[in-house]
Amino acid sequence: MNLAAFADLAVRLVNSAVCGDEADPLRTPEAFREFAANRPFLAVRTTQYDLDRLKLLRTDLATVFTYAVEGAEQAAVDRLNALMMVHPVHPVLVAHDGQPWHVHLDESGSLTDRYAAAAVISLFLLVSQLGIERLGICAIASCDQVFIDGSSNKSRRYCKEHSAARGNVTSLRAPSRNAQGEEDTPVASAAS
């Protein structure tokens, strides 16, 4: 199981909420097929019901990232545990293309079942192996995109759309101290 590739499913799903209604990949089955075109295991019949369930999953996953960033570690873990109960994983051992036996996720169930199982188990394992602090929300106050910090020193602060240079001239989420040593509040953000 490629943990990073499956964790990207969670990141892409959460970040799809900031697209706006006209670009939301969960607006129609056709839009979702385009969104998931590079994931053959998601090439199954897609219904509006699936998309509505994925919207709920998107909200739940966004909450996990928000809790992680806010330092509410137990709340983030509780939400992940609840998601694992709702979206159980069904692993299977497979060998193909000359590779040794390895774990795949069973490809049964609806589109939502497949997507949720892969996204949730990857975050679940990532948190258990690397820690909750690897889940982040862009430090740019006007950006709500999430990311997974793969840096060696856990120092990533920006989503892939923003660079550190832009962060130097844009208001950040973290409070700063003014000349009198008092905390200034950051510019309001939807994720704050």
C-alpha atoms as a PDB file:
ATOM      1  CA  MET A   1       0.000   0.000   0.000  1.00  0.00           C
ATOM      2  CA  ASN A   2       1.463   3.333  -1.037  1.00  0.00           C
ATOM      3  CA  LEU A   3       0.726   5.448   2.038  1.00  0.00           C
ATOM      4  CA  ALA A   4       1.715   8.769   0.457  1.00  0.00           C
ATOM      5  CA  ALA A   5      -0.425   8.224  -2.630  1.00  0.00           C
ATOM      6  CA  PHE A   6      -3.464   7.281  -0.573  1.00  0.00           C
ATOM      7  CA  ALA A   7      -2.906  10.148   1.877  1.00  0.00           C
ATOM      8  CA  ASP A   8      -2.977  12.425  -1.156  1.00  0.00           C
ATOM      9  CA  LEU A   9      -6.578  11.282  -1.676  1.00  0.00           C
ATOM     10  CA  ALA A  10      -7.494  12.849   1.667  1.00  0.00           C
ATOM     11  CA  VAL A  11      -5.596  16.067   0.892  1.00  0.00           C
ATOM     12  CA  ARG A  12      -7.098  16.396  -2.593  1.00  0.00           C
ATOM     13  CA  LEU A  13     -10.607  15.760  -1.289  1.00  0.00           C
ATOM     14  CA  VAL A  14     -10.345  18.376   1.468  1.00  0.00           C
ATOM     15  CA  ASN A  15      -8.730  20.885  -0.880  1.00  0.00           C
ATOM     16  CA  SER A  16     -11.470  20.360  -3.450  1.00  0.00           C
ATOM     17  CA  ALA A  17     -13.812  22.307  -1.156  1.00  0.00           C
ATOM     18  CA  VAL A  18     -11.971  25.566  -1.870  1.00  0.00           C
ATOM     19  CA  CYS A  19     -12.602  25.285  -5.626  1.00  0.00           C
ATOM     20  CA  GLY A  20     -15.966  27.009  -5.598  1.00  0.00           C
ATOM     21  CA  ASP A  21     -19.236  25.435  -6.673  1.00  0.00           C
ATOM     22  CA  GLU A  22     -18.570  25.637 -10.413  1.00  0.00           C
ATOM     23  CA  ALA A  23     -15.227  23.824 -10.097  1.00  0.00           C
ATOM     24  CA  ASP A  24     -16.091  21.431  -7.253  1.00  0.00           C
ATOM     25  CA  PRO A  25     -15.244  17.903  -8.423  1.00  0.00           C
ATOM     26  CA  LEU A  26     -18.132  16.627  -6.298  1.00  0.00           C
ATOM     27  CA  ARG A  27     -20.727  18.646  -8.227  1.00  0.00           C
ATOM     28  CA  THR A  28     -21.453  15.926 -10.824  1.00  0.00           C
ATOM     29  CA  PRO A  29     -20.454  12.302 -11.486  1.00  0.00           C
ATOM     30  CA  GLU A  30     -18.642  13.471 -14.640  1.00  0.00           C
ATOM     31  CA  ALA A  31     -16.623  16.063 -12.698  1.00  0.00           C
ATOM     32  CA  PHE A  32     -15.655  13.417 -10.156  1.00  0.00           C
ATOM     33  CA  ARG A  33     -14.554  10.969 -12.855  1.00  0.00           C
ATOM     34  CA  GLU A  34     -12.221  13.654 -14.196  1.00  0.00           C
ATOM     35  CA  PHE A  35     -10.948  14.397 -10.661  1.00  0.00           C
ATOM     36  CA  ALA A  36     -10.184  10.703 -10.042  1.00  0.00           C
ATOM     37  CA  ALA A  37      -9.068   9.776 -13.571  1.00  0.00           C
ATOM     38  CA  ASN A  38      -5.586   8.731 -12.406  1.00  0.00           C
ATOM     39  CA  ARG A  39      -7.021   6.295  -9.823  1.00  0.00           C
ATOM     40  CA  PRO A  40      -8.271   3.161 -11.628  1.00  0.00           C
ATOM     41  CA  PHE A  41      -9.740   1.675  -8.444  1.00  0.00           C
ATOM     42  CA  LEU A  42     -12.174   4.635  -8.367  1.00  0.00           C
ATOM     43  CA  ALA A  43     -13.394   4.038 -11.932  1.00  0.00           C
ATOM     44  CA  VAL A  44     -16.772   2.671 -10.869  1.00  0.00           C
ATOM     45  CA  ARG A  45     -20.358   3.811 -11.215  1.00  0.00           C
ATOM     46  CA  THR A  46     -20.760   7.167  -9.467  1.00  0.00           C
ATOM     47  CA  THR A  47     -24.104   8.422  -8.203  1.00  0.00           C
ATOM     48  CA  GLN A  48     -25.243  11.679  -6.629  1.00  0.00           C
ATOM     49  CA  TYR A  49     -25.601   9.711  -3.391  1.00  0.00           C
ATOM     50  CA  ASP A  50     -21.875   8.817  -3.575  1.00  0.00           C
ATOM     51  CA  LEU A  51     -20.994  12.460  -4.123  1.00  0.00           C
ATOM     52  CA  ASP A  52     -23.128  13.568  -1.184  1.00  0.00           C
ATOM     53  CA  ARG A  53     -21.406  11.006   1.048  1.00  0.00           C
ATOM     54  CA  LEU A  54     -17.991  12.179  -0.206  1.00  0.00           C
ATOM     55  CA  LYS A  55     -18.957  15.742   0.730  1.00  0.00           C
ATOM     56  CA  LEU A  56     -19.612  14.534   4.275  1.00  0.00           C
ATOM     57  CA  LEU A  57     -16.273  12.725   4.277  1.00  0.00           C
ATOM     58  CA  ARG A  58     -14.587  15.876   2.999  1.00  0.00           C
ATOM     59  CA  THR A  59     -15.993  17.831   5.940  1.00  0.00           C
ATOM     60  CA  ASP A  60     -14.914  15.160   8.423  1.00  0.00           C
ATOM     61  CA  LEU A  61     -11.386  15.019   6.998  1.00  0.00           C
ATOM     62  CA  ALA A  62     -11.132  18.828   7.050  1.00  0.00           C
ATOM     63  CA  THR A  63     -12.081  18.689  10.723  1.00  0.00           C
ATOM     64  CA  VAL A  64      -9.247  16.230  11.393  1.00  0.00           C
ATOM     65  CA  PHE A  65      -6.749  18.657   9.832  1.00  0.00           C
ATOM     66  CA  THR A  66      -8.225  21.590  11.755  1.00  0.00           C
ATOM     67  CA  TYR A  67      -8.013  19.742  15.071  1.00  0.00           C
ATOM     68  CA  ALA A  68      -4.419  18.733  14.306  1.00  0.00           C
ATOM     69  CA  VAL A  69      -3.375  22.315  13.540  1.00  0.00           C
ATOM     70  CA  GLU A  70      -5.152  23.645  16.627  1.00  0.00           C
ATOM     71  CA  GLY A  71      -3.249  21.164  18.797  1.00  0.00           C
ATOM     72  CA  ALA A  72      -6.401  19.223  19.662  1.00  0.00           C
ATOM     73  CA  GLU A  73      -4.614  15.924  19.142  1.00  0.00           C
ATOM     74  CA  GLN A  74      -7.142  13.766  20.994  1.00  0.00           C
ATOM     75  CA  ALA A  75     -10.068  15.275  19.070  1.00  0.00           C
ATOM     76  CA  ALA A  76      -8.271  14.605  15.759  1.00  0.00           C
ATOM     77  CA  VAL A  77      -7.549  11.021  16.741  1.00  0.00           C
ATOM     78  CA  ASP A  78     -11.109  10.509  17.994  1.00  0.00           C
ATOM     79  CA  ARG A  79     -12.436  11.727  14.626  1.00  0.00           C
ATOM     80  CA  LEU A  80     -10.060   9.396  12.743  1.00  0.00           C
ATOM     81  CA  ASN A  81     -11.116   6.470  14.931  1.00  0.00           C
ATOM     82  CA  ALA A  82     -14.781   7.258  14.247  1.00  0.00           C
ATOM     83  CA  LEU A  83     -14.088   7.451  10.510  1.00  0.00           C
ATOM     84  CA  MET A  84     -12.393   4.036  10.638  1.00  0.00           C
ATOM     85  CA  MET A  85     -15.573   2.608  12.178  1.00  0.00           C
ATOM     86  CA  VAL A  86     -17.786   4.187   9.509  1.00  0.00           C
ATOM     87  CA  HIS A  87     -15.421   3.341   6.637  1.00  0.00           C
ATOM     88  CA  PRO A  88     -13.795   0.009   7.524  1.00  0.00           C
ATOM     89  CA  VAL A  89     -10.819  -1.208   5.543  1.00  0.00           C
ATOM     90  CA  HIS A  90     -10.758  -4.633   3.927  1.00  0.00           C
ATOM     91  CA  PRO A  91      -7.135  -5.536   3.158  1.00  0.00           C
ATOM     92  CA  VAL A  92      -6.105  -8.344   0.833  1.00  0.00           C
ATOM     93  CA  LEU A  93      -2.704  -9.861   0.079  1.00  0.00           C
ATOM     94  CA  VAL A  94      -1.753  -9.782  -3.605  1.00  0.00           C
ATOM     95  CA  ALA A  95       1.270 -10.483  -5.776  1.00  0.00           C
ATOM     96  CA  HIS A  96       1.519  -9.057  -9.276  1.00  0.00           C
ATOM     97  CA  ASP A  97       4.017  -7.730 -11.796  1.00  0.00           C
ATOM     98  CA  GLY A  98       6.835  -9.763 -10.238  1.00  0.00           C
ATOM     99  CA  GLN A  99       6.401  -8.084  -6.845  1.00  0.00           C
ATOM    100  CA  PRO A 100       6.329 -10.079  -3.607  1.00  0.00           C
ATOM    101  CA  TRP A 101       3.126 -10.436  -1.612  1.00  0.00           C
ATOM    102  CA  HIS A 102       1.887  -7.065  -0.420  1.00  0.00           C
ATOM    103  CA  VAL A 103      -1.254  -5.413   0.909  1.00  0.00           C
ATOM    104  CA  HIS A 104      -3.938  -3.876  -1.292  1.00  0.00           C
ATOM    105  CA  LEU A 105      -7.325  -2.603  -0.240  1.00  0.00           C
ATOM    106  CA  ASP A 106     -10.174  -4.767  -1.427  1.00  0.00           C
ATOM    107  CA  GLU A 107     -11.878  -3.094  -4.364  1.00  0.00           C
ATOM    108  CA  SER A 108     -15.415  -4.009  -3.385  1.00  0.00           C
ATOM    109  CA  GLY A 109     -18.103  -1.599  -2.333  1.00  0.00           C
ATOM    110  CA  SER A 110     -19.311   1.711  -3.637  1.00  0.00           C
ATOM    111  CA  LEU A 111     -17.188   4.560  -4.860  1.00  0.00           C
ATOM    112  CA  THR A 112     -17.497   6.223  -1.462  1.00  0.00           C
ATOM    113  CA  ASP A 113     -16.451   3.018   0.317  1.00  0.00           C
ATOM    114  CA  ARG A 114     -13.325   2.737  -1.827  1.00  0.00           C
ATOM    115  CA  TYR A 115     -12.337   6.398  -1.600  1.00  0.00           C
ATOM    116  CA  ALA A 116     -13.037   6.656   2.116  1.00  0.00           C
ATOM    117  CA  ALA A 117     -11.215   3.453   3.011  1.00  0.00           C
ATOM    118  CA  ALA A 118      -8.063   4.525   1.174  1.00  0.00           C
ATOM    119  CA  ALA A 119      -8.086   8.126   2.432  1.00  0.00           C
ATOM    120  CA  VAL A 120      -8.924   7.328   6.047  1.00  0.00           C
ATOM    121  CA  ILE A 121      -6.538   4.379   6.503  1.00  0.00           C
ATOM    122  CA  SER A 122      -3.681   6.371   5.024  1.00  0.00           C
ATOM    123  CA  LEU A 123      -4.200   9.254   7.470  1.00  0.00           C
ATOM    124  CA  PHE A 124      -4.713   6.744  10.280  1.00  0.00           C
ATOM    125  CA  LEU A 125      -1.384   5.018   9.540  1.00  0.00           C
ATOM    126  CA  LEU A 126       0.430   8.285   8.852  1.00  0.00           C
ATOM    127  CA  VAL A 127      -0.599   9.697  12.230  1.00  0.00           C
ATOM    128  CA  SER A 128       0.333   6.455  13.996  1.00  0.00           C
ATOM    129  CA  GLN A 129       3.780   6.347  12.365  1.00  0.00           C
ATOM    130  CA  LEU A 130       4.760  10.015  12.041  1.00  0.00           C
ATOM    131  CA  GLY A 131       2.519  11.963  14.420  1.00  0.00           C
ATOM    132  CA  ILE A 132      -0.487  14.250  14.187  1.00  0.00           C
ATOM    133  CA  GLU A 133       1.742  17.315  13.692  1.00  0.00           C
ATOM    134  CA  ARG A 134       2.343  16.151  10.101  1.00  0.00           C
ATOM    135  CA  LEU A 135      -1.160  17.333   9.188  1.00  0.00           C
ATOM    136  CA  GLY A 136      -1.242  21.015   8.304  1.00  0.00           C
ATOM    137  CA  ILE A 137      -3.248  23.910   6.936  1.00  0.00           C
ATOM    138  CA  CYS A 138      -1.503  26.554   4.851  1.00  0.00           C
ATOM    139  CA  ALA A 139      -0.129  29.408   6.970  1.00  0.00           C
ATOM    140  CA  ILE A 140      -1.350  31.982   4.463  1.00  0.00           C
ATOM    141  CA  ALA A 141      -4.388  33.543   6.169  1.00  0.00           C
ATOM    142  CA  SER A 142      -6.437  33.632   2.966  1.00  0.00           C
ATOM    143  CA  CYS A 143      -5.736  29.970   2.143  1.00  0.00           C
ATOM    144  CA  ASP A 144      -7.530  26.996   3.646  1.00  0.00           C
ATOM    145  CA  GLN A 145      -5.729  24.247   1.728  1.00  0.00           C
ATOM    146  CA  VAL A 146      -4.391  21.336   3.749  1.00  0.00           C
ATOM    147  CA  PHE A 147      -1.168  19.405   3.319  1.00  0.00           C
ATOM    148  CA  ILE A 148       0.862  16.602   4.810  1.00  0.00           C
ATOM    149  CA  ASP A 149       4.265  17.705   6.042  1.00  0.00           C
ATOM    150  CA  GLY A 150       6.817  15.279   4.683  1.00  0.00           C
ATOM    151  CA  SER A 151       9.814  17.414   5.626  1.00  0.00           C
ATOM    152  CA  SER A 152      12.512  15.851   7.754  1.00  0.00           C
ATOM    153  CA  ASN A 153      12.213  18.516  10.467  1.00  0.00           C
ATOM    154  CA  LYS A 154       8.413  18.981  10.458  1.00  0.00           C
ATOM    155  CA  SER A 155       8.798  22.584   9.285  1.00  0.00           C
ATOM    156  CA  ARG A 156       6.411  22.859   6.341  1.00  0.00           C
ATOM    157  CA  ARG A 157       3.930  25.729   6.729  1.00  0.00           C
ATOM    158  CA  TYR A 158       2.454  26.221   3.257  1.00  0.00           C
ATOM    159  CA  CYS A 159       0.330  24.274   0.810  1.00  0.00           C
ATOM    160  CA  LYS A 160       1.739  23.416  -2.600  1.00  0.00           C
ATOM    161  CA  GLU A 161       0.113  26.533  -4.079  1.00  0.00           C
ATOM    162  CA  HIS A 162       2.141  28.937  -1.935  1.00  0.00           C
ATOM    163  CA  SER A 163       5.804  29.427  -1.364  1.00  0.00           C
ATOM    164  CA  ALA A 164       7.622  30.715   1.715  1.00  0.00           C
ATOM    165  CA  ALA A 165       8.472  33.912  -0.176  1.00  0.00           C
ATOM    166  CA  ARG A 166       4.781  34.796  -0.519  1.00  0.00           C
ATOM    167  CA  GLY A 167       4.259  33.983   3.145  1.00  0.00           C
ATOM    168  CA  ASN A 168       6.783  36.636   4.081  1.00  0.00           C
ATOM    169  CA  VAL A 169       4.590  39.386   2.646  1.00  0.00           C
ATOM    170  CA  THR A 170       1.154  37.961   3.477  1.00  0.00           C
ATOM    171  CA  SER A 171      -0.600  37.869   6.828  1.00  0.00           C
ATOM    172  CA  LEU A 172      -0.101  34.549   8.593  1.00  0.00           C
ATOM    173  CA  ARG A 173      -2.467  32.556  10.779  1.00  0.00           C
ATOM    174  CA  ALA A 174      -0.230  32.531  13.827  1.00  0.00           C
ATOM    175  CA  PRO A 175      -0.585  35.534  16.146  1.00  0.00           C
ATOM    176  CA  SER A 176       2.332  37.928  16.240  1.00  0.00           C
ATOM    177  CA  ARG A 177       3.566  40.237  18.985  1.00  0.00           C
ATOM    178  CA  ASN A 178       3.382  43.989  18.556  1.00  0.00           C
ATOM    179  CA  ALA A 179       5.940  46.495  19.901  1.00  0.00           C
ATOM    180  CA  GLN A 180       4.307  46.439  23.353  1.00  0.00           C
ATOM    181  CA  GLY A 181       4.624  42.627  23.515  1.00  0.00           C
ATOM    182  CA  GLU A 182       0.859  42.127  23.162  1.00  0.00           C
ATOM    183  CA  GLU A 183      -0.575  39.534  20.806  1.00  0.00           C
ATOM    184  CA  ASP A 184      -1.991  40.867  17.555  1.00  0.00           C
ATOM    185  CA  THR A 185      -4.759  38.765  16.045  1.00  0.00           C
ATOM    186  CA  PRO A 186      -4.253  37.387  12.535  1.00  0.00           C
ATOM    187  CA  VAL A 187      -6.469  38.349   9.648  1.00  0.00           C
ATOM    188  CA  ALA A 188      -9.719  36.394   9.848  1.00  0.00           C
ATOM    189  CA  SER A 189      -9.787  33.131   7.937  1.00  0.00           C
ATOM    190  CA  ALA A 190     -12.453  30.528   7.362  1.00  0.00           C
ATOM    191  CA  ALA A 191     -10.258  27.899   9.005  1.00  0.00           C
ATOM    192  CA  SER A 192      -9.537  30.020  12.089  1.00  0.00           C
END
